[in-house]
Amino acid sequence: MLLNLINWVLNITQGLGYFGVGILMTIESSFLPFPSEIVIPPAAYLASQGKMNLILIIIAGVLGSLAGAMINYFLALSLGRLVVYKLAATRGARLLLITPEKIERAEKYFLLNSKSATFCGRLIPVIRQLISIPAGFCRMPFWSFLFYTALGSFIWVSILAALGYFIGANQALLQAYYREISWGLLILGVVWMAWKFWRWRQNKNGATPPNGL
């Protein structure tokens, strides 16, 4: 099934070119469950065959990621936190693999530090598609959101493009590398969250006046 999906993506990419890459990455970065690992690597494989340009693939991927992230941001901004959580609890949201628990996890991650969370969140599985939602209903400044989203997206898309370009059509090896990279980034994200929480606790305890004053 995965091979059929990858072939479908290759056909779209060959037919629509960089525009197709951008559209698929927009879908991937919005609330629709569509993995980026089957979009960028196949396109980069075409680049290794001289059929596309790797730099333009990365640019199209980042622009698509930004477009999808902005969809989530403005939806959350206009709907507000309570409505977003109510929508996440509906059956339709569950069909899209969105749950209140996932939204809450992304929100807690975001609240530790909005700028760092927006940047790092783009590199972490599960969090990647949802981090734009708390950024919206917490009203993170738009240009700051855009900058850190673009930075994180550029790194993620570049990693996937490098995998597709150098590994090529070897899907088994591609999946193995992708899994290892995903776990590595997830572990780094958890360590970063733990460190931020520890610093927050230290600052909170240090800010408490002696004798309860």
C-alpha atoms as a PDB file:
ATOM      1  CA  MET A   1       0.000   0.000   0.000  1.00  0.00           C
ATOM      2  CA  LEU A   2       2.840   2.386   0.886  1.00  0.00           C
ATOM      3  CA  LEU A   3       4.527   1.678  -2.448  1.00  0.00           C
ATOM      4  CA  ASN A   4       1.278   2.471  -4.281  1.00  0.00           C
ATOM      5  CA  LEU A   5       0.973   5.735  -2.351  1.00  0.00           C
ATOM      6  CA  ILE A   6       4.558   6.691  -3.175  1.00  0.00           C
ATOM      7  CA  ASN A   7       3.979   5.913  -6.853  1.00  0.00           C
ATOM      8  CA  TRP A   8       0.843   8.085  -6.725  1.00  0.00           C
ATOM      9  CA  VAL A   9       2.880  10.933  -5.245  1.00  0.00           C
ATOM     10  CA  LEU A  10       5.543  10.462  -7.927  1.00  0.00           C
ATOM     11  CA  ASN A  11       2.889  10.722 -10.636  1.00  0.00           C
ATOM     12  CA  ILE A  12       1.480  13.908  -9.090  1.00  0.00           C
ATOM     13  CA  THR A  13       4.951  15.386  -8.721  1.00  0.00           C
ATOM     14  CA  GLN A  14       5.885  14.578 -12.310  1.00  0.00           C
ATOM     15  CA  GLY A  15       2.560  15.930 -13.551  1.00  0.00           C
ATOM     16  CA  LEU A  16       2.296  19.100 -11.455  1.00  0.00           C
ATOM     17  CA  GLY A  17       5.978  19.632 -10.685  1.00  0.00           C
ATOM     18  CA  TYR A  18       6.919  21.963  -7.851  1.00  0.00           C
ATOM     19  CA  PHE A  19       3.326  23.161  -7.547  1.00  0.00           C
ATOM     20  CA  GLY A  20       2.313  19.579  -6.732  1.00  0.00           C
ATOM     21  CA  VAL A  21       5.002  19.367  -4.045  1.00  0.00           C
ATOM     22  CA  GLY A  22       3.734  22.616  -2.519  1.00  0.00           C
ATOM     23  CA  ILE A  23       0.088  21.485  -2.543  1.00  0.00           C
ATOM     24  CA  LEU A  24       0.884  18.118  -0.939  1.00  0.00           C
ATOM     25  CA  MET A  25       3.009  19.787   1.748  1.00  0.00           C
ATOM     26  CA  THR A  26       0.199  22.265   2.413  1.00  0.00           C
ATOM     27  CA  ILE A  27      -2.097  19.316   3.066  1.00  0.00           C
ATOM     28  CA  GLU A  28       0.571  17.665   5.245  1.00  0.00           C
ATOM     29  CA  SER A  29       1.044  20.766   7.403  1.00  0.00           C
ATOM     30  CA  SER A  30      -2.663  21.445   7.884  1.00  0.00           C
ATOM     31  CA  PHE A  31      -5.084  19.380   9.974  1.00  0.00           C
ATOM     32  CA  LEU A  32      -5.297  16.603   7.336  1.00  0.00           C
ATOM     33  CA  PRO A  33      -3.232  13.464   8.093  1.00  0.00           C
ATOM     34  CA  PHE A  34      -0.781  13.193   5.191  1.00  0.00           C
ATOM     35  CA  PRO A  35       2.856  12.263   5.918  1.00  0.00           C
ATOM     36  CA  SER A  36       5.589  14.495   4.521  1.00  0.00           C
ATOM     37  CA  GLU A  37       7.955  11.531   4.284  1.00  0.00           C
ATOM     38  CA  ILE A  38       6.083  10.299   1.211  1.00  0.00           C
ATOM     39  CA  VAL A  39       6.091  13.725  -0.473  1.00  0.00           C
ATOM     40  CA  ILE A  40       9.593  15.185  -0.341  1.00  0.00           C
ATOM     41  CA  PRO A  41      11.790  12.033  -0.673  1.00  0.00           C
ATOM     42  CA  PRO A  42      10.103  10.814  -3.908  1.00  0.00           C
ATOM     43  CA  ALA A  43      10.431  14.311  -5.389  1.00  0.00           C
ATOM     44  CA  ALA A  44      14.092  14.439  -4.329  1.00  0.00           C
ATOM     45  CA  TYR A  45      14.573  11.041  -5.955  1.00  0.00           C
ATOM     46  CA  LEU A  46      13.355  12.581  -9.220  1.00  0.00           C
ATOM     47  CA  ALA A  47      15.929  15.337  -8.669  1.00  0.00           C
ATOM     48  CA  SER A  48      18.673  12.727  -8.355  1.00  0.00           C
ATOM     49  CA  GLN A  49      17.565  11.459 -11.776  1.00  0.00           C
ATOM     50  CA  GLY A  50      17.910  14.949 -13.238  1.00  0.00           C
ATOM     51  CA  LYS A  51      14.132  15.372 -13.681  1.00  0.00           C
ATOM     52  CA  MET A  52      13.696  18.105 -11.042  1.00  0.00           C
ATOM     53  CA  ASN A  53      15.800  20.637  -9.132  1.00  0.00           C
ATOM     54  CA  LEU A  54      16.530  19.799  -5.486  1.00  0.00           C
ATOM     55  CA  ILE A  55      16.697  23.441  -4.342  1.00  0.00           C
ATOM     56  CA  LEU A  56      13.318  24.227  -5.916  1.00  0.00           C
ATOM     57  CA  ILE A  57      11.835  21.126  -4.279  1.00  0.00           C
ATOM     58  CA  ILE A  58      12.985  22.365  -0.867  1.00  0.00           C
ATOM     59  CA  ILE A  59      11.600  25.854  -1.552  1.00  0.00           C
ATOM     60  CA  ALA A  60       8.255  24.419  -2.696  1.00  0.00           C
ATOM     61  CA  GLY A  61       8.161  22.138   0.349  1.00  0.00           C
ATOM     62  CA  VAL A  62       8.834  24.982   2.786  1.00  0.00           C
ATOM     63  CA  LEU A  63       6.259  27.258   1.130  1.00  0.00           C
ATOM     64  CA  GLY A  64       3.697  24.461   1.265  1.00  0.00           C
ATOM     65  CA  SER A  65       4.501  23.828   4.932  1.00  0.00           C
ATOM     66  CA  LEU A  66       4.031  27.528   5.675  1.00  0.00           C
ATOM     67  CA  ALA A  67       0.684  27.593   3.867  1.00  0.00           C
ATOM     68  CA  GLY A  68      -0.625  24.592   5.815  1.00  0.00           C
ATOM     69  CA  ALA A  69       0.654  25.976   9.122  1.00  0.00           C
ATOM     70  CA  MET A  70      -1.048  29.310   8.434  1.00  0.00           C
ATOM     71  CA  ILE A  71      -4.351  27.518   7.795  1.00  0.00           C
ATOM     72  CA  ASN A  72      -4.160  25.978  11.278  1.00  0.00           C
ATOM     73  CA  TYR A  73      -2.971  29.254  12.824  1.00  0.00           C
ATOM     74  CA  PHE A  74      -5.785  31.406  11.437  1.00  0.00           C
ATOM     75  CA  LEU A  75      -8.456  28.771  12.078  1.00  0.00           C
ATOM     76  CA  ALA A  76      -7.399  28.542  15.726  1.00  0.00           C
ATOM     77  CA  LEU A  77      -7.068  32.332  15.951  1.00  0.00           C
ATOM     78  CA  SER A  78     -10.616  32.890  14.679  1.00  0.00           C
ATOM     79  CA  LEU A  79     -12.295  29.990  16.500  1.00  0.00           C
ATOM     80  CA  GLY A  80     -10.599  30.324  19.889  1.00  0.00           C
ATOM     81  CA  ARG A  81      -9.369  27.720  22.363  1.00  0.00           C
ATOM     82  CA  LEU A  82     -12.703  26.374  23.631  1.00  0.00           C
ATOM     83  CA  VAL A  83     -14.140  25.867  20.144  1.00  0.00           C
ATOM     84  CA  VAL A  84     -10.942  24.151  18.966  1.00  0.00           C
ATOM     85  CA  TYR A  85     -11.115  21.674  21.859  1.00  0.00           C
ATOM     86  CA  LYS A  86     -14.802  21.024  21.219  1.00  0.00           C
ATOM     87  CA  LEU A  87     -14.137  20.381  17.540  1.00  0.00           C
ATOM     88  CA  ALA A  88     -11.235  18.079  18.423  1.00  0.00           C
ATOM     89  CA  ALA A  89     -13.648  15.935  20.460  1.00  0.00           C
ATOM     90  CA  THR A  90     -15.976  15.277  17.512  1.00  0.00           C
ATOM     91  CA  ARG A  91     -16.054  12.089  15.464  1.00  0.00           C
ATOM     92  CA  GLY A  92     -14.946  13.935  12.348  1.00  0.00           C
ATOM     93  CA  ALA A  93     -11.799  15.153  14.086  1.00  0.00           C
ATOM     94  CA  ARG A  94     -10.990  11.624  15.222  1.00  0.00           C
ATOM     95  CA  LEU A  95     -11.243  10.451  11.623  1.00  0.00           C
ATOM     96  CA  LEU A  96      -8.536  13.024  10.870  1.00  0.00           C
ATOM     97  CA  LEU A  97      -6.482  11.584  13.772  1.00  0.00           C
ATOM     98  CA  ILE A  98      -7.026  14.744  15.844  1.00  0.00           C
ATOM     99  CA  THR A  99      -7.981  14.374  19.509  1.00  0.00           C
ATOM    100  CA  PRO A 100      -8.235  16.783  22.462  1.00  0.00           C
ATOM    101  CA  GLU A 101      -5.308  14.914  24.021  1.00  0.00           C
ATOM    102  CA  LYS A 102      -3.074  15.656  21.027  1.00  0.00           C
ATOM    103  CA  ILE A 103      -4.131  19.306  21.041  1.00  0.00           C
ATOM    104  CA  GLU A 104      -3.425  19.514  24.771  1.00  0.00           C
ATOM    105  CA  ARG A 105       0.004  17.929  24.305  1.00  0.00           C
ATOM    106  CA  ALA A 106       0.847  20.465  21.587  1.00  0.00           C
ATOM    107  CA  GLU A 107      -0.439  23.310  23.781  1.00  0.00           C
ATOM    108  CA  LYS A 108       1.662  22.274  26.781  1.00  0.00           C
ATOM    109  CA  TYR A 109       4.687  22.008  24.513  1.00  0.00           C
ATOM    110  CA  PHE A 110       3.935  25.446  23.071  1.00  0.00           C
ATOM    111  CA  LEU A 111       3.422  27.173  26.420  1.00  0.00           C
ATOM    112  CA  LEU A 112       6.920  26.287  27.630  1.00  0.00           C
ATOM    113  CA  ASN A 113       8.327  28.786  25.142  1.00  0.00           C
ATOM    114  CA  SER A 114       6.314  29.860  22.127  1.00  0.00           C
ATOM    115  CA  LYS A 115       9.240  30.671  19.815  1.00  0.00           C
ATOM    116  CA  SER A 116      11.314  27.594  20.578  1.00  0.00           C
ATOM    117  CA  ALA A 117       8.226  25.368  20.558  1.00  0.00           C
ATOM    118  CA  THR A 118       7.144  26.651  17.155  1.00  0.00           C
ATOM    119  CA  PHE A 119      10.614  25.996  15.754  1.00  0.00           C
ATOM    120  CA  CYS A 120      11.285  22.626  17.417  1.00  0.00           C
ATOM    121  CA  GLY A 121       7.685  21.486  17.013  1.00  0.00           C
ATOM    122  CA  ARG A 122       8.123  21.428  13.235  1.00  0.00           C
ATOM    123  CA  LEU A 123      10.764  18.719  13.690  1.00  0.00           C
ATOM    124  CA  ILE A 124       8.835  16.376  15.985  1.00  0.00           C
ATOM    125  CA  PRO A 125       6.348  13.731  14.781  1.00  0.00           C
ATOM    126  CA  VAL A 126       2.695  14.273  15.859  1.00  0.00           C
ATOM    127  CA  ILE A 127       3.529  17.734  17.257  1.00  0.00           C
ATOM    128  CA  ARG A 128       4.581  18.978  13.807  1.00  0.00           C
ATOM    129  CA  GLN A 129       1.088  19.329  12.332  1.00  0.00           C
ATOM    130  CA  LEU A 130      -0.568  20.550  15.534  1.00  0.00           C
ATOM    131  CA  ILE A 131       1.862  23.114  16.968  1.00  0.00           C
ATOM    132  CA  SER A 132       0.305  25.872  14.843  1.00  0.00           C
ATOM    133  CA  ILE A 133      -3.049  25.461  16.608  1.00  0.00           C
ATOM    134  CA  PRO A 134      -1.994  26.695  20.077  1.00  0.00           C
ATOM    135  CA  ALA A 135       0.061  29.386  18.349  1.00  0.00           C
ATOM    136  CA  GLY A 136      -3.220  30.611  16.866  1.00  0.00           C
ATOM    137  CA  PHE A 137      -5.509  30.567  19.881  1.00  0.00           C
ATOM    138  CA  CYS A 138      -2.712  31.869  22.138  1.00  0.00           C
ATOM    139  CA  ARG A 139      -2.342  34.756  19.640  1.00  0.00           C
ATOM    140  CA  MET A 140       1.373  34.400  19.031  1.00  0.00           C
ATOM    141  CA  PRO A 141       2.561  37.376  16.934  1.00  0.00           C
ATOM    142  CA  PHE A 142       2.078  36.340  13.315  1.00  0.00           C
ATOM    143  CA  TRP A 143       5.481  37.356  11.927  1.00  0.00           C
ATOM    144  CA  SER A 144       7.266  35.620  14.771  1.00  0.00           C
ATOM    145  CA  PHE A 145       5.160  32.515  14.153  1.00  0.00           C
ATOM    146  CA  LEU A 146       5.943  32.667  10.435  1.00  0.00           C
ATOM    147  CA  PHE A 147       9.693  33.037  10.960  1.00  0.00           C
ATOM    148  CA  TYR A 148      10.109  30.119  13.387  1.00  0.00           C
ATOM    149  CA  THR A 149       7.753  27.928  11.375  1.00  0.00           C
ATOM    150  CA  ALA A 150       9.769  28.620   8.219  1.00  0.00           C
ATOM    151  CA  LEU A 151      13.043  27.872  10.007  1.00  0.00           C
ATOM    152  CA  GLY A 152      11.836  24.556  11.420  1.00  0.00           C
ATOM    153  CA  SER A 153      10.161  23.580   8.151  1.00  0.00           C
ATOM    154  CA  PHE A 154      13.322  24.320   6.181  1.00  0.00           C
ATOM    155  CA  ILE A 155      15.369  21.961   8.359  1.00  0.00           C
ATOM    156  CA  TRP A 156      12.757  19.196   8.221  1.00  0.00           C
ATOM    157  CA  VAL A 157      12.202  19.454   4.465  1.00  0.00           C
ATOM    158  CA  SER A 158      15.974  19.555   3.873  1.00  0.00           C
ATOM    159  CA  ILE A 159      16.439  16.350   5.900  1.00  0.00           C
ATOM    160  CA  LEU A 160      13.752  14.565   3.885  1.00  0.00           C
ATOM    161  CA  ALA A 161      15.132  15.923   0.603  1.00  0.00           C
ATOM    162  CA  ALA A 162      18.634  14.688   1.454  1.00  0.00           C
ATOM    163  CA  LEU A 163      17.261  11.241   2.294  1.00  0.00           C
ATOM    164  CA  GLY A 164      15.352  11.021  -0.976  1.00  0.00           C
ATOM    165  CA  TYR A 165      18.235  12.364  -3.060  1.00  0.00           C
ATOM    166  CA  PHE A 166      20.980  10.129  -1.706  1.00  0.00           C
ATOM    167  CA  ILE A 167      18.989   6.982  -0.867  1.00  0.00           C
ATOM    168  CA  GLY A 168      16.779   7.164  -3.939  1.00  0.00           C
ATOM    169  CA  ALA A 169      14.228   4.452  -4.613  1.00  0.00           C
ATOM    170  CA  ASN A 170      15.358   2.143  -1.789  1.00  0.00           C
ATOM    171  CA  GLN A 171      12.161   2.485   0.245  1.00  0.00           C
ATOM    172  CA  ALA A 172      13.190   0.007   2.962  1.00  0.00           C
ATOM    173  CA  LEU A 173      16.370   1.950   3.681  1.00  0.00           C
ATOM    174  CA  LEU A 174      14.481   5.246   3.461  1.00  0.00           C
ATOM    175  CA  GLN A 175      11.925   4.087   6.039  1.00  0.00           C
ATOM    176  CA  ALA A 176      14.691   2.846   8.356  1.00  0.00           C
ATOM    177  CA  TYR A 177      16.550   6.184   8.232  1.00  0.00           C
ATOM    178  CA  TYR A 178      13.332   8.149   8.574  1.00  0.00           C
ATOM    179  CA  ARG A 179      12.314   6.138  11.639  1.00  0.00           C
ATOM    180  CA  GLU A 180      15.715   6.638  13.274  1.00  0.00           C
ATOM    181  CA  ILE A 181      15.731  10.372  12.547  1.00  0.00           C
ATOM    182  CA  SER A 182      12.136  10.734  13.819  1.00  0.00           C
ATOM    183  CA  TRP A 183      12.961   8.959  17.073  1.00  0.00           C
ATOM    184  CA  GLY A 184      16.118  11.017  17.488  1.00  0.00           C
ATOM    185  CA  LEU A 185      14.235  14.284  17.001  1.00  0.00           C
ATOM    186  CA  LEU A 186      11.459  13.102  19.325  1.00  0.00           C
ATOM    187  CA  ILE A 187      13.967  12.266  22.068  1.00  0.00           C
ATOM    188  CA  LEU A 188      15.678  15.635  21.629  1.00  0.00           C
ATOM    189  CA  GLY A 189      12.270  17.325  21.869  1.00  0.00           C
ATOM    190  CA  VAL A 190      11.410  15.487  25.087  1.00  0.00           C
ATOM    191  CA  VAL A 191      14.802  16.367  26.593  1.00  0.00           C
ATOM    192  CA  TRP A 192      14.314  20.006  25.614  1.00  0.00           C
ATOM    193  CA  MET A 193      10.819  20.055  27.150  1.00  0.00           C
ATOM    194  CA  ALA A 194      12.129  18.514  30.384  1.00  0.00           C
ATOM    195  CA  TRP A 195      14.919  21.108  30.546  1.00  0.00           C
ATOM    196  CA  LYS A 196      12.498  23.991  29.952  1.00  0.00           C
ATOM    197  CA  PHE A 197      10.176  22.640  32.642  1.00  0.00           C
ATOM    198  CA  TRP A 198      13.094  22.292  35.077  1.00  0.00           C
ATOM    199  CA  ARG A 199      14.155  25.884  34.392  1.00  0.00           C
ATOM    200  CA  TRP A 200      10.563  27.070  34.882  1.00  0.00           C
ATOM    201  CA  ARG A 201      10.392  25.278  38.243  1.00  0.00           C
ATOM    202  CA  GLN A 202      13.757  26.731  39.289  1.00  0.00           C
ATOM    203  CA  ASN A 203      12.664  30.268  38.374  1.00  0.00           C
ATOM    204  CA  LYS A 204       9.331  29.787  40.099  1.00  0.00           C
ATOM    205  CA  ASN A 205      10.952  28.549  43.300  1.00  0.00           C
ATOM    206  CA  GLY A 206      13.600  31.259  43.144  1.00  0.00           C
ATOM    207  CA  ALA A 207      10.952  33.956  42.716  1.00  0.00           C
ATOM    208  CA  THR A 208       9.152  32.923  45.918  1.00  0.00           C
ATOM    209  CA  PRO A 209      10.024  35.383  48.719  1.00  0.00           C
ATOM    210  CA  PRO A 210      11.304  33.889  52.009  1.00  0.00           C
ATOM    211  CA  ASN A 211       8.783  33.276  54.828  1.00  0.00           C
ATOM    212  CA  GLY A 212       5.989  33.305  52.271  1.00  0.00           C
ATOM    213  CA  LEU A 213       6.146  37.087  51.779  1.00  0.00           C
END
